[in-house]
């Protein structure tokens, strides 16, 4: 999430109608609407690196990656804009949001890091289609992969060195962390 919350609660239907004409992206959580903040150069580089790798890998697949402008409907009254998502559902039931992602990637920002790690993690883990939820730091090398196990439980893997590889089982892709962080400049 990003900037500010609107003062009054609205319905999911009103939110979706407003999103079709709004020039600003908003996330929706239980009647509350939150304006999305812009992203940094590093944030954009990381998201682009991930989606490029996924696009190349999935080009002959029924699965497709999307970046930043497609909402995910986590529940009836929760809509988020993940940085990257992959779905195999083909045409969406509603052309503006995905209901069956298998992989969701968030690149953290200082203002959203705790929401990504708590609120969104819980919401995405409740979605039956989600196999993996990946949280990537932009201020230092830090990747978390939350993966659903065959028994329905979740396990988390942590990566913090560019000489390691990240495996995304949901799409059968292995990526060196140096590729994820290509062109990223840390202060």
N, C-alpha and C. Protein backbone atom coordinates (compact mmCIF):
# COMPACT_ATOMS: atom_id res chain seq x y z
N UNK A 1 0.84 -1.17 0.00
CA UNK A 1 0.00 0.00 0.00
C UNK A 1 0.88 1.22 0.00
N UNK A 2 0.29 2.36 -0.09
CA UNK A 2 1.11 3.51 -0.26
C UNK A 2 0.72 4.70 0.55
N UNK A 3 0.13 5.65 -0.10
CA UNK A 3 -0.05 6.95 0.49
C UNK A 3 -1.14 7.01 1.52
N UNK A 4 -2.22 7.64 1.19
CA UNK A 4 -3.22 7.93 2.20
C UNK A 4 -4.49 7.13 2.02
N UNK A 5 -5.23 7.04 3.10
CA UNK A 5 -6.50 6.33 3.12
C UNK A 5 -7.62 7.35 2.94
N UNK A 6 -8.62 6.99 2.12
CA UNK A 6 -9.79 7.85 2.00
C UNK A 6 -10.58 7.79 3.29
N UNK A 7 -11.34 8.84 3.58
CA UNK A 7 -12.00 8.98 4.88
C UNK A 7 -13.22 8.09 5.07
N UNK A 8 -13.97 7.77 4.02
CA UNK A 8 -15.20 7.02 4.19
C UNK A 8 -15.07 5.63 3.56
N UNK A 9 -15.80 4.68 4.12
CA UNK A 9 -15.82 3.33 3.57
C UNK A 9 -16.73 3.28 2.35
N UNK A 10 -16.35 2.43 1.39
CA UNK A 10 -17.16 2.25 0.19
C UNK A 10 -17.32 0.76 -0.06
N UNK A 11 -18.20 0.41 -0.97
CA UNK A 11 -18.41 -1.00 -1.32
C UNK A 11 -17.37 -1.45 -2.34
N UNK A 12 -17.19 -2.75 -2.43
CA UNK A 12 -16.26 -3.30 -3.43
C UNK A 12 -16.72 -2.92 -4.84
N UNK A 13 -18.01 -2.93 -5.06
CA UNK A 13 -18.54 -2.56 -6.38
C UNK A 13 -18.21 -1.11 -6.73
N UNK A 14 -18.39 -0.20 -5.77
CA UNK A 14 -18.05 1.20 -6.01
C UNK A 14 -16.54 1.37 -6.24
N UNK A 15 -15.75 0.63 -5.48
CA UNK A 15 -14.29 0.67 -5.66
C UNK A 15 -13.93 0.25 -7.08
N UNK A 16 -14.46 -0.89 -7.54
CA UNK A 16 -14.14 -1.38 -8.88
C UNK A 16 -14.59 -0.42 -9.97
N UNK A 17 -15.77 0.16 -9.80
CA UNK A 17 -16.24 1.14 -10.78
C UNK A 17 -15.33 2.36 -10.81
N UNK A 18 -14.90 2.82 -9.66
CA UNK A 18 -14.01 3.98 -9.60
C UNK A 18 -12.65 3.69 -10.20
N UNK A 19 -12.15 2.47 -10.01
CA UNK A 19 -10.84 2.09 -10.54
C UNK A 19 -10.81 2.14 -12.07
N UNK A 20 -11.94 1.89 -12.70
CA UNK A 20 -11.97 1.89 -14.16
C UNK A 20 -11.74 3.27 -14.75
N UNK A 21 -12.03 4.32 -13.99
CA UNK A 21 -11.89 5.68 -14.51
C UNK A 21 -10.80 6.48 -13.81
N UNK A 22 -10.26 5.96 -12.74
CA UNK A 22 -9.27 6.70 -11.96
C UNK A 22 -7.90 6.70 -12.62
N UNK A 23 -7.21 7.82 -12.53
CA UNK A 23 -5.84 7.90 -13.01
C UNK A 23 -4.86 7.44 -11.93
N UNK A 24 -5.34 7.32 -10.70
CA UNK A 24 -4.53 6.87 -9.57
C UNK A 24 -4.96 5.45 -9.22
N UNK A 25 -3.98 4.60 -8.89
CA UNK A 25 -4.30 3.24 -8.47
C UNK A 25 -4.57 3.23 -6.96
N UNK A 26 -5.59 2.46 -6.56
CA UNK A 26 -5.94 2.32 -5.16
C UNK A 26 -6.03 0.84 -4.82
N UNK A 27 -5.64 0.50 -3.59
CA UNK A 27 -5.91 -0.83 -3.07
C UNK A 27 -7.13 -0.72 -2.17
N UNK A 28 -7.83 -1.82 -2.00
CA UNK A 28 -9.11 -1.83 -1.29
C UNK A 28 -9.08 -2.93 -0.24
N UNK A 29 -9.31 -2.56 1.01
CA UNK A 29 -9.30 -3.52 2.11
C UNK A 29 -10.52 -3.28 2.99
N UNK A 30 -11.52 -4.13 2.85
CA UNK A 30 -12.70 -4.08 3.71
C UNK A 30 -13.42 -2.75 3.75
N UNK A 31 -13.54 -2.09 2.62
CA UNK A 31 -14.25 -0.83 2.56
C UNK A 31 -13.34 0.39 2.61
N UNK A 32 -12.08 0.18 3.01
CA UNK A 32 -11.10 1.27 3.04
C UNK A 32 -10.32 1.28 1.73
N UNK A 33 -10.05 2.47 1.22
CA UNK A 33 -9.35 2.64 -0.04
C UNK A 33 -8.04 3.38 0.23
N UNK A 34 -6.94 2.82 -0.30
CA UNK A 34 -5.62 3.39 -0.08
C UNK A 34 -4.97 3.74 -1.42
N UNK A 35 -4.53 4.99 -1.55
CA UNK A 35 -3.84 5.42 -2.76
C UNK A 35 -2.46 4.78 -2.80
N UNK A 36 -2.04 4.37 -3.99
CA UNK A 36 -0.75 3.73 -4.17
C UNK A 36 0.32 4.79 -4.42
N UNK A 37 1.47 4.60 -3.78
CA UNK A 37 2.60 5.51 -3.97
C UNK A 37 3.37 5.10 -5.22
N UNK A 38 4.15 6.01 -5.73
CA UNK A 38 5.04 5.70 -6.85
C UNK A 38 6.17 4.80 -6.37
N UNK A 39 6.98 4.32 -7.30
CA UNK A 39 8.07 3.42 -6.93
C UNK A 39 9.42 4.07 -7.21
N UNK A 40 10.45 3.53 -6.55
CA UNK A 40 11.81 4.02 -6.75
C UNK A 40 12.42 3.35 -7.98
N UNK A 41 13.56 3.83 -8.36
CA UNK A 41 14.29 3.27 -9.49
C UNK A 41 14.66 1.81 -9.21
N UNK A 42 15.18 1.53 -8.01
CA UNK A 42 15.54 0.15 -7.66
C UNK A 42 14.32 -0.77 -7.65
N UNK A 43 13.23 -0.27 -7.10
CA UNK A 43 11.98 -1.05 -7.06
C UNK A 43 11.57 -1.45 -8.47
N UNK A 44 11.61 -0.49 -9.36
CA UNK A 44 11.22 -0.74 -10.75
C UNK A 44 12.17 -1.71 -11.43
N UNK A 45 13.46 -1.57 -11.16
CA UNK A 45 14.45 -2.49 -11.76
C UNK A 45 14.20 -3.92 -11.33
N UNK A 46 13.97 -4.12 -10.04
CA UNK A 46 13.75 -5.48 -9.52
C UNK A 46 12.49 -6.08 -10.13
N UNK A 47 11.40 -5.34 -10.12
CA UNK A 47 10.15 -5.86 -10.69
C UNK A 47 10.32 -6.17 -12.17
N UNK A 48 11.00 -5.30 -12.90
CA UNK A 48 11.25 -5.52 -14.33
C UNK A 48 12.11 -6.76 -14.54
N UNK A 49 13.15 -6.93 -13.75
CA UNK A 49 14.02 -8.11 -13.88
C UNK A 49 13.23 -9.40 -13.67
N UNK A 50 12.37 -9.40 -12.68
CA UNK A 50 11.55 -10.59 -12.39
C UNK A 50 10.58 -10.86 -13.53
N UNK A 51 9.85 -9.85 -13.97
CA UNK A 51 8.85 -10.07 -15.02
C UNK A 51 9.50 -10.44 -16.33
N UNK A 52 10.67 -9.88 -16.63
CA UNK A 52 11.38 -10.27 -17.86
C UNK A 52 11.76 -11.74 -17.83
N UNK A 53 12.32 -12.20 -16.71
CA UNK A 53 12.69 -13.61 -16.58
C UNK A 53 11.47 -14.51 -16.69
N UNK A 54 10.38 -14.11 -16.04
CA UNK A 54 9.15 -14.90 -16.10
C UNK A 54 8.56 -14.91 -17.51
N UNK A 55 8.56 -13.77 -18.18
CA UNK A 55 8.02 -13.69 -19.54
C UNK A 55 8.78 -14.60 -20.49
N UNK A 56 10.10 -14.56 -20.41
CA UNK A 56 10.92 -15.42 -21.26
C UNK A 56 10.67 -16.90 -20.95
N UNK A 57 10.62 -17.22 -19.68
CA UNK A 57 10.46 -18.60 -19.25
C UNK A 57 9.07 -19.16 -19.61
N UNK A 58 8.06 -18.33 -19.54
CA UNK A 58 6.67 -18.79 -19.72
C UNK A 58 6.11 -18.52 -21.12
N UNK A 59 6.95 -18.10 -22.05
CA UNK A 59 6.43 -17.67 -23.35
C UNK A 59 5.67 -18.75 -24.10
N UNK A 60 5.97 -20.02 -23.88
CA UNK A 60 5.25 -21.11 -24.55
C UNK A 60 4.36 -21.88 -23.58
N UNK A 61 3.95 -21.22 -22.52
CA UNK A 61 3.16 -21.83 -21.46
C UNK A 61 1.75 -21.26 -21.47
N UNK A 62 0.84 -21.92 -20.79
CA UNK A 62 -0.50 -21.37 -20.61
C UNK A 62 -0.51 -20.34 -19.48
N UNK A 63 0.58 -20.24 -18.74
CA UNK A 63 0.69 -19.27 -17.64
C UNK A 63 1.26 -17.96 -18.17
N UNK A 64 0.90 -16.86 -17.50
CA UNK A 64 1.31 -15.54 -17.98
C UNK A 64 1.62 -14.63 -16.81
N UNK A 65 2.75 -13.89 -16.90
CA UNK A 65 3.07 -12.91 -15.85
C UNK A 65 2.44 -11.55 -16.16
N UNK A 66 2.14 -10.83 -15.08
CA UNK A 66 1.63 -9.46 -15.19
C UNK A 66 2.42 -8.60 -14.21
N UNK A 67 2.55 -7.32 -14.54
CA UNK A 67 3.33 -6.41 -13.71
C UNK A 67 2.49 -5.22 -13.29
N UNK A 68 2.43 -4.94 -12.01
CA UNK A 68 1.97 -3.73 -11.34
C UNK A 68 0.57 -3.22 -11.61
N UNK A 69 0.00 -3.38 -12.78
CA UNK A 69 -1.28 -2.74 -13.06
C UNK A 69 -2.47 -3.68 -13.06
N UNK A 70 -2.27 -4.93 -12.68
CA UNK A 70 -3.38 -5.87 -12.57
C UNK A 70 -3.62 -6.15 -11.09
N UNK A 71 -4.85 -5.94 -10.67
CA UNK A 71 -5.21 -6.21 -9.28
C UNK A 71 -5.39 -7.70 -9.04
N UNK A 72 -5.19 -8.10 -7.79
CA UNK A 72 -5.53 -9.45 -7.33
C UNK A 72 -6.69 -9.30 -6.36
N UNK A 73 -7.70 -10.12 -6.56
CA UNK A 73 -8.82 -10.14 -5.61
C UNK A 73 -8.50 -11.24 -4.60
N UNK A 74 -8.02 -10.83 -3.43
CA UNK A 74 -7.61 -11.78 -2.40
C UNK A 74 -8.82 -12.39 -1.69
N UNK A 75 -9.84 -11.55 -1.44
CA UNK A 75 -11.12 -12.01 -0.88
C UNK A 75 -12.21 -11.15 -1.52
N UNK A 76 -13.44 -11.37 -1.11
CA UNK A 76 -14.55 -10.59 -1.66
C UNK A 76 -14.36 -9.09 -1.48
N UNK A 77 -13.70 -8.69 -0.39
CA UNK A 77 -13.55 -7.26 -0.13
C UNK A 77 -12.10 -6.82 0.08
N UNK A 78 -11.17 -7.53 -0.59
CA UNK A 78 -9.76 -7.14 -0.54
C UNK A 78 -9.16 -7.24 -1.94
N UNK A 79 -8.63 -6.12 -2.42
CA UNK A 79 -7.96 -6.05 -3.73
C UNK A 79 -6.60 -5.39 -3.54
N UNK A 80 -5.56 -6.05 -4.05
CA UNK A 80 -4.21 -5.51 -4.00
C UNK A 80 -3.64 -5.41 -5.41
N UNK A 81 -2.64 -4.56 -5.56
CA UNK A 81 -1.86 -4.45 -6.79
C UNK A 81 -0.47 -5.03 -6.51
N UNK A 82 -0.24 -6.31 -6.72
CA UNK A 82 1.11 -6.83 -6.50
C UNK A 82 2.06 -6.30 -7.58
N UNK A 83 3.34 -6.31 -7.27
CA UNK A 83 4.32 -5.85 -8.25
C UNK A 83 4.39 -6.78 -9.44
N UNK A 84 4.34 -8.09 -9.19
CA UNK A 84 4.34 -9.09 -10.26
C UNK A 84 3.43 -10.22 -9.83
N UNK A 85 2.70 -10.78 -10.78
CA UNK A 85 1.92 -11.98 -10.51
C UNK A 85 1.97 -12.88 -11.72
N UNK A 86 1.77 -14.17 -11.48
CA UNK A 86 1.64 -15.14 -12.57
C UNK A 86 0.34 -15.90 -12.34
N UNK A 87 -0.40 -16.07 -13.42
CA UNK A 87 -1.62 -16.84 -13.38
C UNK A 87 -1.69 -17.75 -14.60
N UNK A 88 -2.41 -18.84 -14.45
CA UNK A 88 -2.62 -19.77 -15.56
C UNK A 88 -4.11 -19.83 -15.91
N UNK A 89 -4.88 -18.86 -15.43
CA UNK A 89 -6.33 -18.89 -15.60
C UNK A 89 -6.81 -18.43 -16.96
N UNK A 90 -5.92 -17.95 -17.83
CA UNK A 90 -6.35 -17.49 -19.15
C UNK A 90 -7.08 -16.17 -19.04
N UNK A 91 -8.20 -16.03 -19.70
CA UNK A 91 -8.97 -14.80 -19.63
C UNK A 91 -9.61 -14.68 -18.25
N UNK A 92 -9.48 -13.51 -17.64
CA UNK A 92 -10.05 -13.27 -16.32
C UNK A 92 -11.58 -13.22 -16.42
N UNK A 93 -12.25 -13.59 -15.34
CA UNK A 93 -13.70 -13.42 -15.27
C UNK A 93 -14.05 -11.94 -15.36
N UNK A 94 -13.23 -11.10 -14.75
CA UNK A 94 -13.34 -9.65 -14.84
C UNK A 94 -12.00 -9.17 -15.39
N UNK A 95 -11.99 -8.42 -16.48
CA UNK A 95 -10.74 -8.10 -17.16
C UNK A 95 -9.81 -7.20 -16.34
N UNK A 96 -10.26 -6.68 -15.20
CA UNK A 96 -9.44 -5.77 -14.41
C UNK A 96 -8.78 -6.42 -13.20
N UNK A 97 -9.12 -7.67 -12.89
CA UNK A 97 -8.45 -8.29 -11.75
C UNK A 97 -8.34 -9.79 -11.91
N UNK A 98 -7.31 -10.33 -11.26
CA UNK A 98 -7.01 -11.75 -11.28
C UNK A 98 -7.52 -12.38 -9.99
N UNK A 99 -8.13 -13.55 -10.11
CA UNK A 99 -8.64 -14.25 -8.93
C UNK A 99 -7.88 -15.54 -8.64
N UNK A 100 -7.01 -15.97 -9.57
CA UNK A 100 -6.33 -17.25 -9.39
C UNK A 100 -4.83 -17.16 -9.70
N UNK A 101 -4.11 -16.27 -9.00
CA UNK A 101 -2.66 -16.24 -9.22
C UNK A 101 -2.01 -17.48 -8.60
N UNK A 102 -0.91 -17.93 -9.20
CA UNK A 102 -0.15 -19.04 -8.59
C UNK A 102 1.12 -18.51 -7.93
N UNK A 103 1.59 -17.37 -8.40
CA UNK A 103 2.80 -16.74 -7.88
C UNK A 103 2.55 -15.25 -7.74
N UNK A 104 2.90 -14.70 -6.58
CA UNK A 104 2.79 -13.26 -6.35
C UNK A 104 4.14 -12.77 -5.82
N UNK A 105 4.60 -11.65 -6.38
CA UNK A 105 5.87 -11.06 -5.96
C UNK A 105 5.62 -9.62 -5.54
N UNK A 106 6.10 -9.28 -4.36
CA UNK A 106 6.08 -7.89 -3.89
C UNK A 106 7.51 -7.44 -3.66
N UNK A 107 7.84 -6.25 -4.15
CA UNK A 107 9.12 -5.61 -3.87
C UNK A 107 8.83 -4.60 -2.77
N UNK A 108 9.53 -4.74 -1.65
CA UNK A 108 9.20 -3.90 -0.50
C UNK A 108 9.64 -2.45 -0.70
N UNK A 109 8.89 -1.58 -0.07
CA UNK A 109 9.23 -0.17 0.07
C UNK A 109 9.18 0.11 1.57
N UNK A 110 9.90 1.11 2.05
CA UNK A 110 9.86 1.39 3.49
C UNK A 110 8.44 1.55 4.03
N UNK A 111 7.56 2.17 3.25
CA UNK A 111 6.20 2.41 3.73
C UNK A 111 5.30 1.18 3.64
N UNK A 112 5.71 0.14 2.88
CA UNK A 112 4.83 -1.02 2.69
C UNK A 112 5.37 -2.33 3.23
N UNK A 113 6.61 -2.32 3.70
CA UNK A 113 7.27 -3.57 4.07
C UNK A 113 6.49 -4.38 5.09
N UNK A 114 6.00 -3.74 6.14
CA UNK A 114 5.27 -4.48 7.17
C UNK A 114 3.92 -5.00 6.65
N UNK A 115 3.28 -4.25 5.78
CA UNK A 115 2.01 -4.71 5.18
C UNK A 115 2.27 -5.91 4.29
N UNK A 116 3.35 -5.87 3.49
CA UNK A 116 3.71 -6.99 2.62
C UNK A 116 3.98 -8.25 3.44
N UNK A 117 4.66 -8.09 4.58
CA UNK A 117 5.08 -9.25 5.38
C UNK A 117 3.98 -9.79 6.29
N UNK A 118 2.99 -9.00 6.59
CA UNK A 118 1.95 -9.45 7.52
C UNK A 118 0.59 -9.59 6.83
N UNK A 119 -0.02 -8.43 6.54
CA UNK A 119 -1.38 -8.40 6.01
C UNK A 119 -1.49 -9.14 4.67
N UNK A 120 -0.61 -8.80 3.74
CA UNK A 120 -0.69 -9.42 2.42
C UNK A 120 -0.30 -10.90 2.48
N UNK A 121 0.70 -11.23 3.28
CA UNK A 121 1.08 -12.63 3.45
C UNK A 121 -0.12 -13.46 3.91
N UNK A 122 -0.82 -13.00 4.93
CA UNK A 122 -1.99 -13.72 5.43
C UNK A 122 -3.08 -13.83 4.36
N UNK A 123 -3.33 -12.74 3.67
CA UNK A 123 -4.38 -12.75 2.64
C UNK A 123 -4.03 -13.71 1.51
N UNK A 124 -2.79 -13.66 1.02
CA UNK A 124 -2.40 -14.52 -0.09
C UNK A 124 -2.36 -15.99 0.31
N UNK A 125 -2.01 -16.27 1.55
CA UNK A 125 -1.98 -17.66 2.01
C UNK A 125 -3.38 -18.26 2.08
N UNK A 126 -4.40 -17.43 2.14
CA UNK A 126 -5.79 -17.91 2.17
C UNK A 126 -6.35 -18.19 0.78
N UNK A 127 -5.63 -17.75 -0.25
CA UNK A 127 -6.10 -17.97 -1.62
C UNK A 127 -5.67 -19.37 -2.06
N UNK A 128 -6.61 -20.25 -2.40
CA UNK A 128 -6.27 -21.64 -2.76
C UNK A 128 -5.31 -21.77 -3.94
N UNK A 129 -5.33 -20.83 -4.87
CA UNK A 129 -4.49 -20.94 -6.07
C UNK A 129 -3.03 -20.57 -5.81
N UNK A 130 -2.75 -19.77 -4.79
CA UNK A 130 -1.40 -19.26 -4.57
C UNK A 130 -0.49 -20.38 -4.06
N UNK A 131 0.58 -20.61 -4.82
CA UNK A 131 1.59 -21.61 -4.45
C UNK A 131 2.77 -20.93 -3.78
N UNK A 132 3.14 -19.75 -4.29
CA UNK A 132 4.29 -19.03 -3.72
C UNK A 132 4.01 -17.54 -3.64
N UNK A 133 4.51 -16.96 -2.56
CA UNK A 133 4.48 -15.52 -2.36
C UNK A 133 5.92 -15.11 -2.05
N UNK A 134 6.46 -14.21 -2.88
CA UNK A 134 7.86 -13.81 -2.78
C UNK A 134 7.93 -12.34 -2.38
N UNK A 135 8.74 -12.05 -1.37
CA UNK A 135 8.96 -10.68 -0.91
C UNK A 135 10.43 -10.35 -1.15
N UNK A 136 10.68 -9.29 -1.91
CA UNK A 136 12.04 -8.91 -2.29
C UNK A 136 12.35 -7.53 -1.75
N UNK A 137 13.46 -7.42 -1.04
CA UNK A 137 13.92 -6.13 -0.52
C UNK A 137 14.59 -5.33 -1.61
N UNK A 138 14.42 -4.01 -1.57
CA UNK A 138 15.08 -3.16 -2.55
C UNK A 138 16.24 -2.37 -1.96
N UNK A 139 16.38 -2.37 -0.64
CA UNK A 139 17.44 -1.59 -0.01
C UNK A 139 18.64 -2.44 0.36
N UNK A 140 18.48 -3.75 0.31
CA UNK A 140 19.57 -4.69 0.52
C UNK A 140 19.15 -6.02 -0.08
N UNK A 141 20.09 -6.93 -0.26
CA UNK A 141 19.76 -8.23 -0.83
C UNK A 141 19.00 -9.02 0.23
N UNK A 142 17.74 -9.23 -0.03
CA UNK A 142 16.86 -9.91 0.91
C UNK A 142 15.65 -10.45 0.16
N UNK A 143 15.55 -11.77 0.09
CA UNK A 143 14.43 -12.40 -0.60
C UNK A 143 13.82 -13.45 0.32
N UNK A 144 12.51 -13.41 0.45
CA UNK A 144 11.76 -14.42 1.20
C UNK A 144 10.83 -15.12 0.23
N UNK A 145 10.83 -16.44 0.27
CA UNK A 145 9.88 -17.22 -0.53
C UNK A 145 8.99 -17.98 0.43
N UNK A 146 7.71 -17.66 0.41
CA UNK A 146 6.71 -18.37 1.21
C UNK A 146 6.05 -19.36 0.25
N UNK A 147 6.18 -20.66 0.56
CA UNK A 147 5.72 -21.70 -0.36
C UNK A 147 4.74 -22.64 0.33
N UNK A 148 3.61 -22.86 -0.36
CA UNK A 148 2.61 -23.82 0.13
C UNK A 148 3.14 -25.24 -0.09
N UNK A 149 3.01 -26.04 0.93
CA UNK A 149 3.43 -27.44 0.88
C UNK A 149 2.25 -28.32 0.45
N UNK A 150 2.52 -29.54 0.00
CA UNK A 150 1.42 -30.42 -0.43
C UNK A 150 0.35 -30.64 0.64
N UNK A 151 0.74 -30.57 1.92
CA UNK A 151 -0.24 -30.77 3.00
C UNK A 151 -1.00 -29.48 3.34
N UNK A 152 -0.73 -28.39 2.60
CA UNK A 152 -1.42 -27.13 2.83
C UNK A 152 -0.70 -26.18 3.76
N UNK A 153 0.29 -26.66 4.49
CA UNK A 153 1.09 -25.79 5.35
C UNK A 153 2.06 -24.97 4.51
N UNK A 154 2.62 -23.94 5.11
CA UNK A 154 3.54 -23.05 4.42
C UNK A 154 4.91 -23.14 5.04
N UNK A 155 5.93 -22.99 4.20
CA UNK A 155 7.31 -22.96 4.65
C UNK A 155 7.96 -21.73 4.02
N UNK A 156 8.90 -21.11 4.74
CA UNK A 156 9.55 -19.90 4.25
C UNK A 156 11.04 -20.14 4.07
N UNK A 157 11.56 -19.65 2.95
CA UNK A 157 12.98 -19.72 2.63
C UNK A 157 13.51 -18.30 2.55
N UNK A 158 14.73 -18.08 3.09
CA UNK A 158 15.35 -16.76 3.09
C UNK A 158 16.65 -16.81 2.29
N UNK A 159 16.87 -15.75 1.48
CA UNK A 159 18.07 -15.65 0.66
C UNK A 159 18.66 -14.26 0.87
N UNK A 160 20.00 -14.18 0.99
CA UNK A 160 20.62 -12.88 1.22
C UNK A 160 21.97 -12.71 0.54
N UNK A 161 22.30 -13.59 -0.38
CA UNK A 161 23.59 -13.50 -1.09
C UNK A 161 23.36 -13.61 -2.59
N UNK A 162 24.02 -12.75 -3.36
CA UNK A 162 23.83 -12.77 -4.82
C UNK A 162 24.44 -13.99 -5.48
N UNK A 163 25.27 -14.74 -4.77
CA UNK A 163 25.86 -15.94 -5.38
C UNK A 163 24.99 -17.17 -5.17
N UNK A 164 23.74 -16.97 -4.76
CA UNK A 164 22.81 -18.09 -4.61
C UNK A 164 21.72 -18.01 -5.68
N UNK A 165 20.97 -19.09 -5.80
CA UNK A 165 19.87 -19.14 -6.76
C UNK A 165 18.55 -19.32 -6.03
N UNK A 166 17.54 -18.73 -6.59
CA UNK A 166 16.18 -18.81 -6.07
C UNK A 166 15.38 -19.71 -7.00
N UNK A 167 14.72 -20.70 -6.44
CA UNK A 167 13.87 -21.58 -7.24
C UNK A 167 12.41 -21.23 -6.98
N UNK A 168 11.69 -20.97 -8.06
CA UNK A 168 10.25 -20.74 -7.99
C UNK A 168 9.57 -22.00 -8.49
N UNK A 169 9.15 -22.83 -7.56
CA UNK A 169 8.55 -24.12 -7.93
C UNK A 169 7.22 -23.95 -8.65
N UNK A 170 6.50 -22.88 -8.37
CA UNK A 170 5.18 -22.65 -8.98
C UNK A 170 5.28 -22.56 -10.50
N UNK A 171 6.43 -22.08 -11.00
CA UNK A 171 6.61 -21.91 -12.45
C UNK A 171 7.83 -22.66 -12.96
N UNK A 172 8.44 -23.46 -12.09
CA UNK A 172 9.62 -24.27 -12.44
C UNK A 172 10.72 -23.41 -13.05
N UNK A 173 11.10 -22.35 -12.32
CA UNK A 173 12.14 -21.43 -12.77
C UNK A 173 13.16 -21.23 -11.66
N UNK A 174 14.43 -21.32 -12.01
CA UNK A 174 15.51 -21.02 -11.08
C UNK A 174 16.22 -19.76 -11.57
N UNK A 175 16.36 -18.79 -10.66
CA UNK A 175 16.97 -17.50 -10.99
C UNK A 175 18.13 -17.21 -10.06
N UNK A 176 19.27 -16.82 -10.60
CA UNK A 176 20.34 -16.34 -9.72
C UNK A 176 19.90 -15.01 -9.09
N UNK A 177 20.20 -14.82 -7.83
CA UNK A 177 19.84 -13.55 -7.21
C UNK A 177 20.50 -12.37 -7.91
N UNK A 178 21.68 -12.58 -8.49
CA UNK A 178 22.32 -11.48 -9.21
C UNK A 178 21.48 -11.03 -10.40
N UNK A 179 20.67 -11.92 -10.98
CA UNK A 179 19.78 -11.52 -12.06
C UNK A 179 18.61 -10.69 -11.53
N UNK A 180 18.08 -11.08 -10.38
CA UNK A 180 16.99 -10.32 -9.76
C UNK A 180 17.46 -8.90 -9.44
N UNK A 181 18.71 -8.78 -8.96
CA UNK A 181 19.24 -7.49 -8.53
C UNK A 181 20.11 -6.81 -9.60
N UNK A 182 19.99 -7.26 -10.86
CA UNK A 182 20.77 -6.63 -11.93
C UNK A 182 20.46 -5.14 -12.02
N UNK A 183 21.52 -4.32 -12.04
CA UNK A 183 21.46 -2.85 -12.15
C UNK A 183 21.00 -2.16 -10.87
N UNK A 184 20.70 -2.89 -9.83
CA UNK A 184 20.25 -2.28 -8.58
C UNK A 184 21.47 -1.70 -7.86
N UNK A 185 21.33 -0.46 -7.42
CA UNK A 185 22.41 0.24 -6.73
C UNK A 185 21.97 0.46 -5.28
N UNK A 186 22.76 -0.10 -4.34
CA UNK A 186 22.47 0.09 -2.92
C UNK A 186 23.24 1.30 -2.40
N UNK A 187 22.61 2.06 -1.51
CA UNK A 187 23.29 3.23 -0.94
C UNK A 187 24.22 2.81 0.19
